[in-house]
Protein backbone atom coordinates (compact mmCIF):
# COMPACT_ATOMS: atom_id res chain seq x y z
CA MET A 1 18.10 -15.20 14.28
CA ASN A 2 18.73 -16.37 10.71
CA ASN A 3 19.54 -14.50 7.52
CA PHE A 4 16.00 -14.96 6.27
CA SER A 5 14.29 -12.73 8.82
CA VAL A 6 11.57 -10.51 7.43
CA VAL A 7 12.44 -6.86 7.02
CA ALA A 8 9.40 -4.67 7.52
CA ARG A 9 8.76 -1.92 5.02
CA SER A 10 8.67 1.48 6.54
CA TYR A 11 7.19 4.32 4.59
CA ASN A 12 8.33 7.90 5.00
CA VAL A 13 5.66 10.56 4.63
CA SER A 14 7.90 12.57 2.29
CA HIS A 15 8.19 9.62 -0.12
CA LEU A 16 4.66 8.28 0.29
CA ASP A 17 3.21 10.08 -2.73
CA ALA A 18 5.37 7.97 -5.05
CA THR A 19 4.25 4.82 -3.23
CA ILE A 20 0.59 5.81 -3.57
CA THR A 21 1.05 6.48 -7.29
CA HIS A 22 2.73 3.11 -7.73
CA LEU A 23 -0.01 1.26 -5.84
CA GLU A 24 -2.71 3.03 -7.86
CA GLN A 25 -1.00 2.15 -11.15
CA VAL A 26 -0.44 -1.49 -10.28
CA LEU A 27 -3.94 -2.01 -8.93
CA ASN A 28 -5.49 -0.23 -11.94
CA LEU A 29 -3.52 -2.20 -14.50
CA GLU A 30 -3.39 -5.63 -12.95
CA GLY A 31 -6.05 -5.61 -10.29
CA ALA A 32 -5.71 -6.70 -6.72
CA ASN A 33 -5.30 -10.35 -7.75
CA SER A 34 -2.25 -9.87 -9.92
CA LEU A 35 1.20 -11.00 -8.78
CA PHE A 36 0.34 -10.75 -5.09
CA SER A 37 -2.80 -11.74 -3.22
CA LYS A 38 -5.46 -9.36 -2.00
CA THR A 39 -4.06 -9.84 1.49
CA ASP A 40 -0.62 -8.67 0.35
CA TRP A 41 -2.00 -5.55 -1.33
CA TYR A 42 -4.26 -4.83 1.64
CA GLY A 43 -1.27 -5.13 3.98
CA CYS A 44 0.81 -2.73 1.87
CA VAL A 45 -1.94 -0.13 1.87
CA LEU A 46 -2.60 -0.54 5.61
CA GLU A 47 1.09 -0.12 6.29
CA ALA A 48 1.16 3.06 4.21
CA LEU A 49 -1.91 4.32 6.11
CA SER A 50 -0.05 3.85 9.38
CA THR A 51 2.73 6.24 8.33
CA PRO A 52 3.19 8.97 10.95
CA GLY A 53 2.37 12.45 9.66
CA LEU A 54 0.10 11.26 6.86
CA ALA A 55 -1.68 14.15 5.10
CA THR A 56 -5.34 14.06 4.12
CA SER A 57 -4.26 14.19 0.46
CA GLN A 58 -2.39 10.93 1.10
CA ARG A 59 -4.96 9.28 3.37
CA VAL A 60 -7.89 9.66 0.93
CA PRO A 61 -6.35 7.77 -2.04
CA LEU A 62 -5.07 5.06 0.29
CA GLN A 63 -8.55 4.58 1.72
CA ARG A 64 -9.91 4.39 -1.85
CA LEU A 65 -7.35 1.70 -2.62
CA LEU A 66 -8.52 -0.31 0.41
CA GLY A 67 -12.06 -0.12 -0.94
CA ARG A 68 -10.93 -1.19 -4.41
CA ILE A 69 -9.07 -4.17 -2.98
CA ALA A 70 -12.04 -5.18 -0.86
CA GLN A 71 -14.36 -5.09 -3.89
CA SER A 72 -12.07 -7.11 -6.16
């Protein structure tokens, strides 16, 4: 294995609210086609959605973000 192996992000449910806020801000200001591709943003949101222990108050905005990315 080399030094350039990919390190997967892992979200923690207790810190996920800050991540959701960040994703909402970036996608509102720059759109899904900003610095990263739609696929990148979609992957980030899907990864956040797969966080164990996700609350409904976290799941709903993440699902909205998926819809926003899909429509952009």
